[in-house]
Each structure stands twice: as structure tokens, then as C-alpha cells.
Amino acid sequence: MAEGIFIFRPAVRELGQKMKTLMAADAQRNELLRELERKNIAIDLAPIEAQSATRIKSDPRYLAPAW
């Protein structure tokens, strides 16, 4: 029994370290995916916002009165 512990302990320790590394990489990947999704939404909204701003600038109802 003791021989098994000495044989497998390094492998188990290495597997544990690799699992920690994989979990950290997964967390980083998830954060990057969230950031990418936020940027994609901003890119999707940019033309709509620009069109709206252009429409407001050209609409005489929104122009400042000439005093």
C-alpha cells in the first residue's frame, strides 16, 4: 500500500497542478469572451447611434434657435 502512495503521489500532484492551470485558463477565456461580447455589442450599436445622431443634427426641431 505504501509503495502505491509513493508511486502515484507525484502523478496525482502533477494532475492537480494541471487542473489548477486549466481552471485558470478557463476563467481567463471566459473573461475574454465576455469582453469580446461587450465589444461586439458596441460595434453593432455604433451605426445605429451614428444614424440617430445624424438624424437629430439635421432635424430643424432640434436646432438651437437663432436669437
PDB file of N, CA and C in Angstrom:
ATOM      1  N   MET A   1       0.821  -1.194   0.000  1.00  0.00           N
ATOM      2  CA  MET A   1       0.000   0.000   0.000  1.00  0.00           C
ATOM      3  C   MET A   1       0.867   1.260   0.000  1.00  0.00           C
ATOM      4  N   ALA A   2       1.867   1.302   0.855  1.00  0.00           N
ATOM      5  CA  ALA A   2       2.751   2.458   0.941  1.00  0.00           C
ATOM      6  C   ALA A   2       3.496   2.667  -0.368  1.00  0.00           C
ATOM      7  N   GLU A   3       3.841   1.561  -1.034  1.00  0.00           N
ATOM      8  CA  GLU A   3       4.524   1.692  -2.318  1.00  0.00           C
ATOM      9  C   GLU A   3       3.640   2.400  -3.333  1.00  0.00           C
ATOM     10  N   GLY A   4       2.348   2.095  -3.323  1.00  0.00           N
ATOM     11  CA  GLY A   4       1.410   2.738  -4.243  1.00  0.00           C
ATOM     12  C   GLY A   4       1.341   4.240  -4.024  1.00  0.00           C
ATOM     13  N   ILE A   5       1.368   4.644  -2.769  1.00  0.00           N
ATOM     14  CA  ILE A   5       1.323   6.075  -2.453  1.00  0.00           C
ATOM     15  C   ILE A   5       2.564   6.771  -2.991  1.00  0.00           C
ATOM     16  N   PHE A   6       3.724   6.146  -2.817  1.00  0.00           N
ATOM     17  CA  PHE A   6       4.966   6.758  -3.311  1.00  0.00           C
ATOM     18  C   PHE A   6       4.998   6.800  -4.832  1.00  0.00           C
ATOM     19  N   ILE A   7       4.400   5.816  -5.453  1.00  0.00           N
ATOM     20  CA  ILE A   7       4.409   5.763  -6.920  1.00  0.00           C
ATOM     21  C   ILE A   7       3.430   6.781  -7.507  1.00  0.00           C
ATOM     22  N   PHE A   8       2.227   6.853  -6.942  1.00  0.00           N
ATOM     23  CA  PHE A   8       1.186   7.672  -7.542  1.00  0.00           C
ATOM     24  C   PHE A   8       1.126   9.113  -7.032  1.00  0.00           C
ATOM     25  N   ARG A   9       1.715   9.393  -5.888  1.00  0.00           N
ATOM     26  CA  ARG A   9       1.640  10.750  -5.328  1.00  0.00           C
ATOM     27  C   ARG A   9       2.171  11.814  -6.292  1.00  0.00           C
ATOM     28  N   PRO A  10       3.344  11.637  -6.924  1.00  0.00           N
ATOM     29  CA  PRO A  10       3.818  12.663  -7.862  1.00  0.00           C
ATOM     30  C   PRO A  10       2.855  12.858  -9.045  1.00  0.00           C
ATOM     31  N   ALA A  11       2.291  11.766  -9.530  1.00  0.00           N
ATOM     32  CA  ALA A  11       1.358  11.881 -10.653  1.00  0.00           C
ATOM     33  C   ALA A  11       0.088  12.613 -10.231  1.00  0.00           C
ATOM     34  N   VAL A  12      -0.407  12.307  -9.052  1.00  0.00           N
ATOM     35  CA  VAL A  12      -1.603  12.975  -8.547  1.00  0.00           C
ATOM     36  C   VAL A  12      -1.321  14.451  -8.321  1.00  0.00           C
ATOM     37  N   ARG A  13      -0.175  14.778  -7.766  1.00  0.00           N
ATOM     38  CA  ARG A  13       0.206  16.174  -7.545  1.00  0.00           C
ATOM     39  C   ARG A  13       0.294  16.909  -8.882  1.00  0.00           C
ATOM     40  N   GLU A  14       0.905  16.284  -9.868  1.00  0.00           N
ATOM     41  CA  GLU A  14       1.024  16.901 -11.192  1.00  0.00           C
ATOM     42  C   GLU A  14      -0.347  17.100 -11.823  1.00  0.00           C
ATOM     43  N   LEU A  15      -1.217  16.122 -11.678  1.00  0.00           N
ATOM     44  CA  LEU A  15      -2.581  16.273 -12.210  1.00  0.00           C
ATOM     45  C   LEU A  15      -3.308  17.431 -11.521  1.00  0.00           C
ATOM     46  N   GLY A  16      -3.126  17.559 -10.226  1.00  0.00           N
ATOM     47  CA  GLY A  16      -3.743  18.664  -9.500  1.00  0.00           C
ATOM     48  C   GLY A  16      -3.245  20.014  -9.993  1.00  0.00           C
ATOM     49  N   GLN A  17      -1.948  20.110 -10.231  1.00  0.00           N
ATOM     50  CA  GLN A  17      -1.371  21.358 -10.731  1.00  0.00           C
ATOM     51  C   GLN A  17      -1.894  21.668 -12.130  1.00  0.00           C
ATOM     52  N   LYS A  18      -1.997  20.644 -12.958  1.00  0.00           N
ATOM     53  CA  LYS A  18      -2.508  20.851 -14.314  1.00  0.00           C
ATOM     54  C   LYS A  18      -3.976  21.263 -14.287  1.00  0.00           C
ATOM     55  N   MET A  19      -4.742  20.709 -13.357  1.00  0.00           N
ATOM     56  CA  MET A  19      -6.147  21.097 -13.219  1.00  0.00           C
ATOM     57  C   MET A  19      -6.253  22.568 -12.813  1.00  0.00           C
ATOM     58  N   LYS A  20      -5.410  23.003 -11.881  1.00  0.00           N
ATOM     59  CA  LYS A  20      -5.415  24.417 -11.480  1.00  0.00           C
ATOM     60  C   LYS A  20      -5.089  25.309 -12.675  1.00  0.00           C
ATOM     61  N   THR A  21      -4.093  24.902 -13.457  1.00  0.00           N
ATOM     62  CA  THR A  21      -3.709  25.676 -14.635  1.00  0.00           C
ATOM     63  C   THR A  21      -4.853  25.736 -15.632  1.00  0.00           C
ATOM     64  N   LEU A  22      -5.511  24.607 -15.865  1.00  0.00           N
ATOM     65  CA  LEU A  22      -6.635  24.573 -16.801  1.00  0.00           C
ATOM     66  C   LEU A  22      -7.806  25.421 -16.301  1.00  0.00           C
ATOM     67  N   MET A  23      -8.063  25.391 -15.021  1.00  0.00           N
ATOM     68  CA  MET A  23      -9.161  26.178 -14.465  1.00  0.00           C
ATOM     69  C   MET A  23      -8.862  27.675 -14.587  1.00  0.00           C
ATOM     70  N   ALA A  24      -7.616  28.058 -14.366  1.00  0.00           N
ATOM     71  CA  ALA A  24      -7.229  29.466 -14.513  1.00  0.00           C
ATOM     72  C   ALA A  24      -7.349  29.896 -15.978  1.00  0.00           C
ATOM     73  N   ALA A  25      -6.932  29.036 -16.896  1.00  0.00           N
ATOM     74  CA  ALA A  25      -7.031  29.347 -18.320  1.00  0.00           C
ATOM     75  C   ALA A  25      -8.502  29.459 -18.732  1.00  0.00           C
ATOM     76  N   ASP A  26      -9.343  28.601 -18.190  1.00  0.00           N
ATOM     77  CA  ASP A  26     -10.770  28.648 -18.496  1.00  0.00           C
ATOM     78  C   ASP A  26     -11.392  29.941 -17.985  1.00  0.00           C
ATOM     79  N   ALA A  27     -11.016  30.360 -16.793  1.00  0.00           N
ATOM     80  CA  ALA A  27     -11.533  31.614 -16.242  1.00  0.00           C
ATOM     81  C   ALA A  27     -11.081  32.801 -17.096  1.00  0.00           C
ATOM     82  N   GLN A  28      -9.843  32.779 -17.531  1.00  0.00           N
ATOM     83  CA  GLN A  28      -9.326  33.855 -18.380  1.00  0.00           C
ATOM     84  C   GLN A  28     -10.059  33.861 -19.726  1.00  0.00           C
ATOM     85  N   ARG A  29     -10.283  32.684 -20.285  1.00  0.00           N
ATOM     86  CA  ARG A  29     -11.009  32.575 -21.556  1.00  0.00           C
ATOM     87  C   ARG A  29     -12.417  33.127 -21.414  1.00  0.00           C
ATOM     88  N   ASN A  30     -13.079  32.799 -20.310  1.00  0.00           N
ATOM     89  CA  ASN A  30     -14.435  33.293 -20.090  1.00  0.00           C
ATOM     90  C   ASN A  30     -14.468  34.807 -19.983  1.00  0.00           C
ATOM     91  N   GLU A  31     -13.484  35.386 -19.310  1.00  0.00           N
ATOM     92  CA  GLU A  31     -13.421  36.845 -19.190  1.00  0.00           C
ATOM     93  C   GLU A  31     -13.190  37.477 -20.561  1.00  0.00           C
ATOM     94  N   LEU A  32     -12.311  36.882 -21.357  1.00  0.00           N
ATOM     95  CA  LEU A  32     -12.057  37.406 -22.702  1.00  0.00           C
ATOM     96  C   LEU A  32     -13.298  37.289 -23.577  1.00  0.00           C
ATOM     97  N   LEU A  33     -14.046  36.206 -23.424  1.00  0.00           N
ATOM     98  CA  LEU A  33     -15.291  36.053 -24.190  1.00  0.00           C
ATOM     99  C   LEU A  33     -16.312  37.113 -23.798  1.00  0.00           C
ATOM    100  N   ARG A  34     -16.421  37.415 -22.507  1.00  0.00           N
ATOM    101  CA  ARG A  34     -17.347  38.465 -22.059  1.00  0.00           C
ATOM    102  C   ARG A  34     -16.933  39.825 -22.627  1.00  0.00           C
ATOM    103  N   GLU A  35     -15.627  40.111 -22.595  1.00  0.00           N
ATOM    104  CA  GLU A  35     -15.129  41.371 -23.136  1.00  0.00           C
ATOM    105  C   GLU A  35     -15.397  41.459 -24.636  1.00  0.00           C
ATOM    106  N   LEU A  36     -15.168  40.368 -25.344  1.00  0.00           N
ATOM    107  CA  LEU A  36     -15.416  40.342 -26.783  1.00  0.00           C
ATOM    108  C   LEU A  36     -16.897  40.563 -27.081  1.00  0.00           C
ATOM    109  N   GLU A  37     -17.763  39.949 -26.301  1.00  0.00           N
ATOM    110  CA  GLU A  37     -19.202  40.130 -26.490  1.00  0.00           C
ATOM    111  C   GLU A  37     -19.603  41.584 -26.267  1.00  0.00           C
ATOM    112  N   ARG A  38     -19.055  42.235 -25.224  1.00  0.00           N
ATOM    113  CA  ARG A  38     -19.343  43.657 -24.976  1.00  0.00           C
ATOM    114  C   ARG A  38     -18.885  44.510 -26.164  1.00  0.00           C
ATOM    115  N   LYS A  39     -17.704  44.215 -26.681  1.00  0.00           N
ATOM    116  CA  LYS A  39     -17.193  44.985 -27.811  1.00  0.00           C
ATOM    117  C   LYS A  39     -18.025  44.742 -29.068  1.00  0.00           C
ATOM    118  N   ASN A  40     -18.463  43.519 -29.282  1.00  0.00           N
ATOM    119  CA  ASN A  40     -19.302  43.224 -30.441  1.00  0.00           C
ATOM    120  C   ASN A  40     -20.626  43.969 -30.361  1.00  0.00           C
ATOM    121  N   ILE A  41     -21.198  44.048 -29.166  1.00  0.00           N
ATOM    122  CA  ILE A  41     -22.445  44.794 -28.994  1.00  0.00           C
ATOM    123  C   ILE A  41     -22.216  46.268 -29.288  1.00  0.00           C
ATOM    124  N   ALA A  42     -21.111  46.811 -28.788  1.00  0.00           N
ATOM    125  CA  ALA A  42     -20.791  48.221 -29.052  1.00  0.00           C
ATOM    126  C   ALA A  42     -20.615  48.467 -30.546  1.00  0.00           C
ATOM    127  N   ILE A  43     -19.969  47.541 -31.226  1.00  0.00           N
ATOM    128  CA  ILE A  43     -19.773  47.679 -32.678  1.00  0.00           C
ATOM    129  C   ILE A  43     -21.110  47.596 -33.394  1.00  0.00           C
ATOM    130  N   ASP A  44     -21.981  46.710 -32.952  1.00  0.00           N
ATOM    131  CA  ASP A  44     -23.306  46.583 -33.566  1.00  0.00           C
ATOM    132  C   ASP A  44     -24.141  47.846 -33.358  1.00  0.00           C
ATOM    133  N   LEU A  45     -23.987  48.493 -32.201  1.00  0.00           N
ATOM    134  CA  LEU A  45     -24.784  49.679 -31.890  1.00  0.00           C
ATOM    135  C   LEU A  45     -24.224  50.956 -32.508  1.00  0.00           C
ATOM    136  N   ALA A  46     -22.952  50.983 -32.840  1.00  0.00           N
ATOM    137  CA  ALA A  46     -22.309  52.199 -33.331  1.00  0.00           C
ATOM    138  C   ALA A  46     -23.011  52.786 -34.557  1.00  0.00           C
ATOM    139  N   PRO A  47     -23.350  52.015 -35.584  1.00  0.00           N
ATOM    140  CA  PRO A  47     -24.023  52.619 -36.747  1.00  0.00           C
ATOM    141  C   PRO A  47     -25.408  53.167 -36.396  1.00  0.00           C
ATOM    142  N   ILE A  48     -26.096  52.495 -35.504  1.00  0.00           N
ATOM    143  CA  ILE A  48     -27.426  52.961 -35.096  1.00  0.00           C
ATOM    144  C   ILE A  48     -27.307  54.288 -34.367  1.00  0.00           C
ATOM    145  N   GLU A  49     -26.338  54.396 -33.459  1.00  0.00           N
ATOM    146  CA  GLU A  49     -26.129  55.638 -32.720  1.00  0.00           C
ATOM    147  C   GLU A  49     -25.698  56.763 -33.658  1.00  0.00           C
ATOM    148  N   ALA A  50     -24.830  56.449 -34.612  1.00  0.00           N
ATOM    149  CA  ALA A  50     -24.377  57.466 -35.565  1.00  0.00           C
ATOM    150  C   ALA A  50     -25.533  57.941 -36.430  1.00  0.00           C
ATOM    151  N   GLN A  51     -26.363  57.032 -36.871  1.00  0.00           N
ATOM    152  CA  GLN A  51     -27.514  57.391 -37.686  1.00  0.00           C
ATOM    153  C   GLN A  51     -28.483  58.267 -36.882  1.00  0.00           C
ATOM    154  N   SER A  52     -28.693  57.913 -35.642  1.00  0.00           N
ATOM    155  CA  SER A  52     -29.576  58.694 -34.785  1.00  0.00           C
ATOM    156  C   SER A  52     -29.017  60.102 -34.566  1.00  0.00           C
ATOM    157  N   ALA A  53     -27.723  60.195 -34.310  1.00  0.00           N
ATOM    158  CA  ALA A  53     -27.100  61.498 -34.103  1.00  0.00           C
ATOM    159  C   ALA A  53     -27.197  62.348 -35.366  1.00  0.00           C
ATOM    160  N   THR A  54     -27.000  61.743 -36.517  1.00  0.00           N
ATOM    161  CA  THR A  54     -27.098  62.469 -37.783  1.00  0.00           C
ATOM    162  C   THR A  54     -28.516  62.961 -38.003  1.00  0.00           C
ATOM    163  N   ARG A  55     -29.467  62.122 -37.686  1.00  0.00           N
ATOM    164  CA  ARG A  55     -30.868  62.489 -37.852  1.00  0.00           C
ATOM    165  C   ARG A  55     -31.220  63.669 -36.940  1.00  0.00           C
ATOM    166  N   ILE A  56     -30.750  63.639 -35.718  1.00  0.00           N
ATOM    167  CA  ILE A  56     -31.029  64.725 -34.777  1.00  0.00           C
ATOM    168  C   ILE A  56     -30.379  66.026 -35.247  1.00  0.00           C
ATOM    169  N   LYS A  57     -29.149  65.942 -35.743  1.00  0.00           N
ATOM    170  CA  LYS A  57     -28.450  67.145 -36.199  1.00  0.00           C
ATOM    171  C   LYS A  57     -29.150  67.780 -37.394  1.00  0.00           C
ATOM    172  N   SER A  58     -29.750  66.976 -38.245  1.00  0.00           N
ATOM    173  CA  SER A  58     -30.358  67.520 -39.455  1.00  0.00           C
ATOM    174  C   SER A  58     -31.841  67.861 -39.268  1.00  0.00           C
ATOM    175  N   ASP A  59     -32.428  67.518 -38.146  1.00  0.00           N
ATOM    176  CA  ASP A  59     -33.839  67.817 -37.894  1.00  0.00           C
ATOM    177  C   ASP A  59     -33.955  69.239 -37.347  1.00  0.00           C
ATOM    178  N   PRO A  60     -34.690  70.111 -38.030  1.00  0.00           N
ATOM    179  CA  PRO A  60     -34.789  71.506 -37.584  1.00  0.00           C
ATOM    180  C   PRO A  60     -35.417  71.651 -36.200  1.00  0.00           C
ATOM    181  N   ARG A  61     -36.186  70.700 -35.757  1.00  0.00           N
ATOM    182  CA  ARG A  61     -36.796  70.792 -34.428  1.00  0.00           C
ATOM    183  C   ARG A  61     -35.749  70.770 -33.326  1.00  0.00           C
ATOM    184  N   TYR A  62     -34.591  70.196 -33.617  1.00  0.00           N
ATOM    185  CA  TYR A  62     -33.554  70.062 -32.597  1.00  0.00           C
ATOM    186  C   TYR A  62     -32.475  71.130 -32.704  1.00  0.00           C
ATOM    187  N   LEU A  63     -32.566  72.000 -33.684  1.00  0.00           N
ATOM    188  CA  LEU A  63     -31.570  73.052 -33.847  1.00  0.00           C
ATOM    189  C   LEU A  63     -31.838  74.169 -32.844  1.00  0.00           C
ATOM    190  N   ALA A  64     -30.790  74.788 -32.402  1.00  0.00           N
ATOM    191  CA  ALA A  64     -30.925  75.916 -31.466  1.00  0.00           C
ATOM    192  C   ALA A  64     -31.511  77.108 -32.204  1.00  0.00           C
ATOM    193  N   PRO A  65     -32.401  77.807 -31.549  1.00  0.00           N
ATOM    194  CA  PRO A  65     -32.987  78.981 -32.231  1.00  0.00           C
ATOM    195  C   PRO A  65     -31.947  80.071 -32.445  1.00  0.00           C
ATOM    196  N   ALA A  66     -32.077  80.765 -33.540  1.00  0.00           N
ATOM    197  CA  ALA A  66     -31.160  81.887 -33.856  1.00  0.00           C
ATOM    198  C   ALA A  66     -31.710  83.125 -33.202  1.00  0.00           C
ATOM    199  N   TRP A  67     -31.125  83.597 -32.137  1.00  0.00           N
ATOM    200  CA  TRP A  67     -31.627  84.755 -31.384  1.00  0.00           C
ATOM    201  C   TRP A  67     -31.119  85.988 -31.978  1.00  0.00           C
TER     202      TRP A  67
END
